[in-house]
Each structure stands twice: as structure tokens, then as C-alpha cells.
Amino acid sequence: YRGNTYVVNLLPKIKLELVVTDESFEAV
């Protein structure tokens, strides 16, 4: 960026949280 080098070591991600029944969790 503008001639300088930066190390980006924390990358953007998405965290999904779901609570499901015991019967459906493998399919999910």
C-alpha cells in the first residue's frame, strides 16, 4: 500500500452458530 509492505495475518472469516436436533446434526 503506497509503497509499503504490510503483513496481514488475521484474515476475515464468518462464524456460523446453529443448534440442531441429534437426528439432524450429521446432515447439517
PDB file of all heavy atoms in Angstrom:
ATOM      1  N   TYR A   1       0.858  -1.172   0.000  1.00  0.00           N
ATOM      2  CA  TYR A   1       0.000   0.000   0.000  1.00  0.00           C
ATOM      3  C   TYR A   1       0.899   1.228   0.000  1.00  0.00           C
ATOM      4  O   TYR A   1       1.687   1.426   0.926  1.00  0.00           O
ATOM      5  CB  TYR A   1      -0.916  -0.007   1.220  1.00  0.00           C
ATOM      6  CG  TYR A   1      -1.815   1.193   1.313  1.00  0.00           C
ATOM      7  CD1 TYR A   1      -2.883   1.348   0.439  1.00  0.00           C
ATOM      8  CD2 TYR A   1      -1.590   2.180   2.256  1.00  0.00           C
ATOM      9  CE1 TYR A   1      -3.711   2.455   0.513  1.00  0.00           C
ATOM     10  CE2 TYR A   1      -2.408   3.288   2.344  1.00  0.00           C
ATOM     11  CZ  TYR A   1      -3.458   3.420   1.473  1.00  0.00           C
ATOM     12  OH  TYR A   1      -4.277   4.524   1.545  1.00  0.00           O
ATOM     13  N   ARG A   2       0.803   2.009  -1.052  1.00  0.00           N
ATOM     14  CA  ARG A   2       1.595   3.233  -1.205  1.00  0.00           C
ATOM     15  C   ARG A   2       3.085   2.993  -0.983  1.00  0.00           C
ATOM     16  O   ARG A   2       3.759   3.731  -0.268  1.00  0.00           O
ATOM     17  CB  ARG A   2       1.092   4.309  -0.261  1.00  0.00           C
ATOM     18  CG  ARG A   2      -0.286   4.794  -0.614  1.00  0.00           C
ATOM     19  CD  ARG A   2      -0.670   5.983   0.188  1.00  0.00           C
ATOM     20  NE  ARG A   2      -2.005   6.429  -0.212  1.00  0.00           N
ATOM     21  CZ  ARG A   2      -2.577   7.493   0.272  1.00  0.00           C
ATOM     22  NH1 ARG A   2      -1.979   8.243   1.172  1.00  0.00           N
ATOM     23  NH2 ARG A   2      -3.778   7.831  -0.131  1.00  0.00           N
ATOM     24  N   GLY A   3       3.569   1.906  -1.558  1.00  0.00           N
ATOM     25  CA  GLY A   3       4.997   1.628  -1.495  1.00  0.00           C
ATOM     26  C   GLY A   3       5.462   0.880  -0.258  1.00  0.00           C
ATOM     27  O   GLY A   3       6.617   0.487  -0.177  1.00  0.00           O
ATOM     28  N   ASN A   4       4.595   0.695   0.719  1.00  0.00           N
ATOM     29  CA  ASN A   4       4.965  -0.035   1.928  1.00  0.00           C
ATOM     30  C   ASN A   4       4.361  -1.432   1.899  1.00  0.00           C
ATOM     31  O   ASN A   4       3.264  -1.628   1.401  1.00  0.00           O
ATOM     32  CB  ASN A   4       4.466   0.691   3.185  1.00  0.00           C
ATOM     33  CG  ASN A   4       5.151   2.024   3.384  1.00  0.00           C
ATOM     34  OD1 ASN A   4       6.340   2.159   3.117  1.00  0.00           O
ATOM     35  ND2 ASN A   4       4.407   3.019   3.817  1.00  0.00           N
ATOM     36  N   THR A   5       5.092  -2.370   2.473  1.00  0.00           N
ATOM     37  CA  THR A   5       4.618  -3.749   2.543  1.00  0.00           C
ATOM     38  C   THR A   5       4.059  -4.011   3.934  1.00  0.00           C
ATOM     39  O   THR A   5       4.702  -3.690   4.941  1.00  0.00           O
ATOM     40  CB  THR A   5       5.766  -4.734   2.254  1.00  0.00           C
ATOM     41  OG1 THR A   5       6.283  -4.449   0.951  1.00  0.00           O
ATOM     42  CG2 THR A   5       5.281  -6.166   2.293  1.00  0.00           C
ATOM     43  N   TYR A   6       2.856  -4.591   3.988  1.00  0.00           N
ATOM     44  CA  TYR A   6       2.200  -4.913   5.249  1.00  0.00           C
ATOM     45  C   TYR A   6       1.891  -6.402   5.294  1.00  0.00           C
ATOM     46  O   TYR A   6       1.507  -6.992   4.290  1.00  0.00           O
ATOM     47  CB  TYR A   6       0.880  -4.144   5.393  1.00  0.00           C
ATOM     48  CG  TYR A   6       1.055  -2.656   5.449  1.00  0.00           C
ATOM     49  CD1 TYR A   6       0.978  -1.885   4.292  1.00  0.00           C
ATOM     50  CD2 TYR A   6       1.317  -2.026   6.647  1.00  0.00           C
ATOM     51  CE1 TYR A   6       1.152  -0.522   4.324  1.00  0.00           C
ATOM     52  CE2 TYR A   6       1.498  -0.649   6.703  1.00  0.00           C
ATOM     53  CZ  TYR A   6       1.413   0.095   5.546  1.00  0.00           C
ATOM     54  OH  TYR A   6       1.582   1.450   5.589  1.00  0.00           O
ATOM     55  N   VAL A   7       2.058  -6.982   6.464  1.00  0.00           N
ATOM     56  CA  VAL A   7       1.703  -8.381   6.666  1.00  0.00           C
ATOM     57  C   VAL A   7       0.301  -8.416   7.258  1.00  0.00           C
ATOM     58  O   VAL A   7       0.044  -7.836   8.308  1.00  0.00           O
ATOM     59  CB  VAL A   7       2.697  -9.086   7.606  1.00  0.00           C
ATOM     60  CG1 VAL A   7       2.253 -10.520   7.865  1.00  0.00           C
ATOM     61  CG2 VAL A   7       4.096  -9.060   7.008  1.00  0.00           C
ATOM     62  N   VAL A   8      -0.614  -9.077   6.554  1.00  0.00           N
ATOM     63  CA  VAL A   8      -1.986  -9.237   7.030  1.00  0.00           C
ATOM     64  C   VAL A   8      -2.104 -10.684   7.486  1.00  0.00           C
ATOM     65  O   VAL A   8      -2.185 -11.594   6.668  1.00  0.00           O
ATOM     66  CB  VAL A   8      -3.010  -8.937   5.905  1.00  0.00           C
ATOM     67  CG1 VAL A   8      -4.431  -9.125   6.414  1.00  0.00           C
ATOM     68  CG2 VAL A   8      -2.797  -7.539   5.369  1.00  0.00           C
ATOM     69  N   ASN A   9      -2.053 -10.909   8.818  1.00  0.00           N
ATOM     70  CA  ASN A   9      -2.072 -12.289   9.279  1.00  0.00           C
ATOM     71  C   ASN A   9      -3.360 -12.679   9.997  1.00  0.00           C
ATOM     72  O   ASN A   9      -3.503 -13.809  10.414  1.00  0.00           O
ATOM     73  CB  ASN A   9      -0.854 -12.601  10.147  1.00  0.00           C
ATOM     74  CG  ASN A   9      -0.719 -11.668  11.320  1.00  0.00           C
ATOM     75  OD1 ASN A   9      -1.585 -10.847  11.572  1.00  0.00           O
ATOM     76  ND2 ASN A   9       0.379 -11.779  12.034  1.00  0.00           N
ATOM     77  N   LEU A  10      -4.291 -11.771  10.138  1.00  0.00           N
ATOM     78  CA  LEU A  10      -5.626 -12.099  10.634  1.00  0.00           C
ATOM     79  C   LEU A  10      -6.603 -11.861   9.488  1.00  0.00           C
ATOM     80  O   LEU A  10      -6.874 -10.728   9.108  1.00  0.00           O
ATOM     81  CB  LEU A  10      -6.004 -11.247  11.847  1.00  0.00           C
ATOM     82  CG  LEU A  10      -5.201 -11.530  13.112  1.00  0.00           C
ATOM     83  CD1 LEU A  10      -5.620 -10.572  14.218  1.00  0.00           C
ATOM     84  CD2 LEU A  10      -5.380 -12.955  13.567  1.00  0.00           C
ATOM     85  N   LEU A  11      -7.114 -12.945   8.942  1.00  0.00           N
ATOM     86  CA  LEU A  11      -7.959 -12.865   7.756  1.00  0.00           C
ATOM     87  C   LEU A  11      -9.430 -12.854   8.128  1.00  0.00           C
ATOM     88  O   LEU A  11      -9.836 -13.478   9.115  1.00  0.00           O
ATOM     89  CB  LEU A  11      -7.666 -14.059   6.851  1.00  0.00           C
ATOM     90  CG  LEU A  11      -6.206 -14.160   6.397  1.00  0.00           C
ATOM     91  CD1 LEU A  11      -5.990 -15.458   5.658  1.00  0.00           C
ATOM     92  CD2 LEU A  11      -5.840 -12.975   5.527  1.00  0.00           C
ATOM     93  N   PRO A  12     -10.256 -12.149   7.359  1.00  0.00           N
ATOM     94  CA  PRO A  12     -11.691 -12.118   7.661  1.00  0.00           C
ATOM     95  C   PRO A  12     -12.341 -13.475   7.400  1.00  0.00           C
ATOM     96  O   PRO A  12     -12.084 -14.112   6.379  1.00  0.00           O
ATOM     97  CB  PRO A  12     -12.240 -11.045   6.722  1.00  0.00           C
ATOM     98  CG  PRO A  12     -11.237 -10.921   5.633  1.00  0.00           C
ATOM     99  CD  PRO A  12      -9.912 -11.322   6.207  1.00  0.00           C
ATOM    100  N   LYS A  13     -13.158 -13.899   8.337  1.00  0.00           N
ATOM    101  CA  LYS A  13     -13.913 -15.152   8.240  1.00  0.00           C
ATOM    102  C   LYS A  13     -15.320 -14.897   8.763  1.00  0.00           C
ATOM    103  O   LYS A  13     -15.611 -13.855   9.329  1.00  0.00           O
ATOM    104  CB  LYS A  13     -13.258 -16.268   9.068  1.00  0.00           C
ATOM    105  CG  LYS A  13     -11.845 -16.620   8.665  1.00  0.00           C
ATOM    106  CD  LYS A  13     -11.814 -17.346   7.357  1.00  0.00           C
ATOM    107  CE  LYS A  13     -10.381 -17.712   6.975  1.00  0.00           C
ATOM    108  NZ  LYS A  13     -10.324 -18.398   5.722  1.00  0.00           N
ATOM    109  N   ILE A  14     -16.189 -15.871   8.593  1.00  0.00           N
ATOM    110  CA  ILE A  14     -17.551 -15.838   9.126  1.00  0.00           C
ATOM    111  C   ILE A  14     -17.703 -17.011  10.080  1.00  0.00           C
ATOM    112  O   ILE A  14     -17.286 -18.126   9.763  1.00  0.00           O
ATOM    113  CB  ILE A  14     -18.597 -15.976   7.992  1.00  0.00           C
ATOM    114  CG1 ILE A  14     -18.524 -14.804   7.023  1.00  0.00           C
ATOM    115  CG2 ILE A  14     -20.006 -16.140   8.552  1.00  0.00           C
ATOM    116  CD1 ILE A  14     -19.029 -13.495   7.590  1.00  0.00           C
ATOM    117  N   LYS A  15     -18.297 -16.753  11.248  1.00  0.00           N
ATOM    118  CA  LYS A  15     -18.593 -17.839  12.181  1.00  0.00           C
ATOM    119  C   LYS A  15     -20.099 -18.044  12.218  1.00  0.00           C
ATOM    120  O   LYS A  15     -20.853 -17.120  12.505  1.00  0.00           O
ATOM    121  CB  LYS A  15     -18.081 -17.537  13.579  1.00  0.00           C
ATOM    122  CG  LYS A  15     -18.386 -18.666  14.561  1.00  0.00           C
ATOM    123  CD  LYS A  15     -17.608 -18.552  15.853  1.00  0.00           C
ATOM    124  CE  LYS A  15     -18.327 -17.715  16.851  1.00  0.00           C
ATOM    125  NZ  LYS A  15     -17.732 -17.807  18.198  1.00  0.00           N
ATOM    126  N   LEU A  16     -20.520 -19.263  11.883  1.00  0.00           N
ATOM    127  CA  LEU A  16     -21.926 -19.652  11.965  1.00  0.00           C
ATOM    128  C   LEU A  16     -22.122 -20.465  13.232  1.00  0.00           C
ATOM    129  O   LEU A  16     -21.314 -21.334  13.538  1.00  0.00           O
ATOM    130  CB  LEU A  16     -22.323 -20.524  10.776  1.00  0.00           C
ATOM    131  CG  LEU A  16     -22.104 -19.985   9.379  1.00  0.00           C
ATOM    132  CD1 LEU A  16     -22.458 -21.052   8.358  1.00  0.00           C
ATOM    133  CD2 LEU A  16     -22.937 -18.758   9.163  1.00  0.00           C
ATOM    134  N   GLU A  17     -23.207 -20.198  13.946  1.00  0.00           N
ATOM    135  CA  GLU A  17     -23.559 -20.994  15.112  1.00  0.00           C
ATOM    136  C   GLU A  17     -24.989 -21.482  14.933  1.00  0.00           C
ATOM    137  O   GLU A  17     -25.885 -20.680  14.671  1.00  0.00           O
ATOM    138  CB  GLU A  17     -23.438 -20.169  16.383  1.00  0.00           C
ATOM    139  CG  GLU A  17     -22.012 -19.731  16.677  1.00  0.00           C
ATOM    140  CD  GLU A  17     -21.924 -18.848  17.896  1.00  0.00           C
ATOM    141  OE1 GLU A  17     -21.773 -19.391  19.009  1.00  0.00           O
ATOM    142  OE2 GLU A  17     -22.027 -17.622  17.731  1.00  0.00           O
ATOM    143  N   LEU A  18     -25.186 -22.792  15.054  1.00  0.00           N
ATOM    144  CA  LEU A  18     -26.510 -23.399  14.901  1.00  0.00           C
ATOM    145  C   LEU A  18     -26.702 -24.424  16.013  1.00  0.00           C
ATOM    146  O   LEU A  18     -25.765 -25.123  16.369  1.00  0.00           O
ATOM    147  CB  LEU A  18     -26.621 -24.148  13.570  1.00  0.00           C
ATOM    148  CG  LEU A  18     -26.195 -23.448  12.306  1.00  0.00           C
ATOM    149  CD1 LEU A  18     -24.906 -24.041  11.792  1.00  0.00           C
ATOM    150  CD2 LEU A  18     -27.261 -23.608  11.284  1.00  0.00           C
ATOM    151  N   VAL A  19     -27.904 -24.514  16.521  1.00  0.00           N
ATOM    152  CA  VAL A  19     -28.253 -25.596  17.436  1.00  0.00           C
ATOM    153  C   VAL A  19     -29.319 -26.419  16.732  1.00  0.00           C
ATOM    154  O   VAL A  19     -30.346 -25.891  16.308  1.00  0.00           O
ATOM    155  CB  VAL A  19     -28.752 -25.061  18.796  1.00  0.00           C
ATOM    156  CG1 VAL A  19     -29.158 -26.206  19.692  1.00  0.00           C
ATOM    157  CG2 VAL A  19     -27.663 -24.227  19.466  1.00  0.00           C
ATOM    158  N   VAL A  20     -29.038 -27.728  16.595  1.00  0.00           N
ATOM    159  CA  VAL A  20     -29.925 -28.619  15.851  1.00  0.00           C
ATOM    160  C   VAL A  20     -30.197 -29.880  16.664  1.00  0.00           C
ATOM    161  O   VAL A  20     -29.523 -30.152  17.656  1.00  0.00           O
ATOM    162  CB  VAL A  20     -29.308 -28.990  14.477  1.00  0.00           C
ATOM    163  CG1 VAL A  20     -29.143 -27.754  13.606  1.00  0.00           C
ATOM    164  CG2 VAL A  20     -27.988 -29.697  14.638  1.00  0.00           C
ATOM    165  N   THR A  21     -31.175 -30.637  16.220  1.00  0.00           N
ATOM    166  CA  THR A  21     -31.523 -31.882  16.913  1.00  0.00           C
ATOM    167  C   THR A  21     -30.432 -32.931  16.699  1.00  0.00           C
ATOM    168  O   THR A  21     -29.657 -32.863  15.745  1.00  0.00           O
ATOM    169  CB  THR A  21     -32.861 -32.443  16.392  1.00  0.00           C
ATOM    170  OG1 THR A  21     -32.705 -32.782  15.013  1.00  0.00           O
ATOM    171  CG2 THR A  21     -33.987 -31.434  16.566  1.00  0.00           C
ATOM    172  N   ASP A  22     -30.408 -33.904  17.602  1.00  0.00           N
ATOM    173  CA  ASP A  22     -29.441 -35.004  17.480  1.00  0.00           C
ATOM    174  C   ASP A  22     -29.626 -35.771  16.182  1.00  0.00           C
ATOM    175  O   ASP A  22     -28.664 -36.284  15.612  1.00  0.00           O
ATOM    176  CB  ASP A  22     -29.564 -35.961  18.668  1.00  0.00           C
ATOM    177  CG  ASP A  22     -29.057 -35.348  19.963  1.00  0.00           C
ATOM    178  OD1 ASP A  22     -28.165 -34.474  19.907  1.00  0.00           O
ATOM    179  OD2 ASP A  22     -29.546 -35.744  21.040  1.00  0.00           O
ATOM    180  N   GLU A  23     -30.872 -35.844  15.700  1.00  0.00           N
ATOM    181  CA  GLU A  23     -31.158 -36.600  14.483  1.00  0.00           C
ATOM    182  C   GLU A  23     -30.653 -35.907  13.221  1.00  0.00           C
ATOM    183  O   GLU A  23     -30.346 -36.559  12.229  1.00  0.00           O
ATOM    184  CB  GLU A  23     -32.669 -36.850  14.339  1.00  0.00           C
ATOM    185  CG  GLU A  23     -33.263 -37.728  15.416  1.00  0.00           C
ATOM    186  CD  GLU A  23     -33.518 -36.987  16.725  1.00  0.00           C
ATOM    187  OE1 GLU A  23     -33.787 -35.766  16.695  1.00  0.00           O
ATOM    188  OE2 GLU A  23     -33.420 -37.624  17.781  1.00  0.00           O
ATOM    189  N   SER A  24     -30.596 -34.573  13.249  1.00  0.00           N
ATOM    190  CA  SER A  24     -30.255 -33.854  12.022  1.00  0.00           C
ATOM    191  C   SER A  24     -28.835 -33.305  11.982  1.00  0.00           C
ATOM    192  O   SER A  24     -28.399 -32.831  10.930  1.00  0.00           O
ATOM    193  CB  SER A  24     -31.242 -32.703  11.799  1.00  0.00           C
ATOM    194  OG  SER A  24     -31.104 -31.742  12.816  1.00  0.00           O
ATOM    195  N   PHE A  25     -28.083 -33.401  13.079  1.00  0.00           N
ATOM    196  CA  PHE A  25     -26.799 -32.702  13.085  1.00  0.00           C
ATOM    197  C   PHE A  25     -25.787 -33.252  12.079  1.00  0.00           C
ATOM    198  O   PHE A  25     -25.023 -32.488  11.494  1.00  0.00           O
ATOM    199  CB  PHE A  25     -26.214 -32.609  14.498  1.00  0.00           C
ATOM    200  CG  PHE A  25     -25.344 -33.753  14.918  1.00  0.00           C
ATOM    201  CD1 PHE A  25     -23.975 -33.677  14.771  1.00  0.00           C
ATOM    202  CD2 PHE A  25     -25.896 -34.892  15.484  1.00  0.00           C
ATOM    203  CE1 PHE A  25     -23.168 -34.721  15.176  1.00  0.00           C
ATOM    204  CE2 PHE A  25     -25.107 -35.929  15.891  1.00  0.00           C
ATOM    205  CZ  PHE A  25     -23.728 -35.856  15.733  1.00  0.00           C
ATOM    206  N   GLU A  26     -25.782 -34.559  11.823  1.00  0.00           N
ATOM    207  CA  GLU A  26     -24.842 -35.110  10.838  1.00  0.00           C
ATOM    208  C   GLU A  26     -25.150 -34.575   9.439  1.00  0.00           C
ATOM    209  O   GLU A  26     -24.242 -34.227   8.679  1.00  0.00           O
ATOM    210  CB  GLU A  26     -24.889 -36.640  10.831  1.00  0.00           C
ATOM    211  CG  GLU A  26     -24.275 -37.291  12.050  1.00  0.00           C
ATOM    212  CD  GLU A  26     -22.752 -37.197  12.107  1.00  0.00           C
ATOM    213  OE1 GLU A  26     -22.118 -36.801  11.107  1.00  0.00           O
ATOM    214  OE2 GLU A  26     -22.194 -37.527  13.161  1.00  0.00           O
ATOM    215  N   ALA A  27     -26.433 -34.483   9.106  1.00  0.00           N
ATOM    216  CA  ALA A  27     -26.824 -33.956   7.793  1.00  0.00           C
ATOM    217  C   ALA A  27     -26.457 -32.479   7.676  1.00  0.00           C
ATOM    218  O   ALA A  27     -25.995 -32.032   6.621  1.00  0.00           O
ATOM    219  CB  ALA A  27     -28.317 -34.149   7.574  1.00  0.00           C
ATOM    220  N   VAL A  28     -26.646 -31.713   8.746  1.00  0.00           N
ATOM    221  CA  VAL A  28     -26.313 -30.290   8.733  1.00  0.00           C
ATOM    222  C   VAL A  28     -24.813 -30.097   8.556  1.00  0.00           C
ATOM    223  O   VAL A  28     -24.370 -29.251   7.773  1.00  0.00           O
ATOM    224  CB  VAL A  28     -26.828 -29.587  10.010  1.00  0.00           C
ATOM    225  CG1 VAL A  28     -26.292 -28.164  10.108  1.00  0.00           C
ATOM    226  CG2 VAL A  28     -28.352 -29.584  10.042  1.00  0.00           C
TER     227      VAL A  28
END
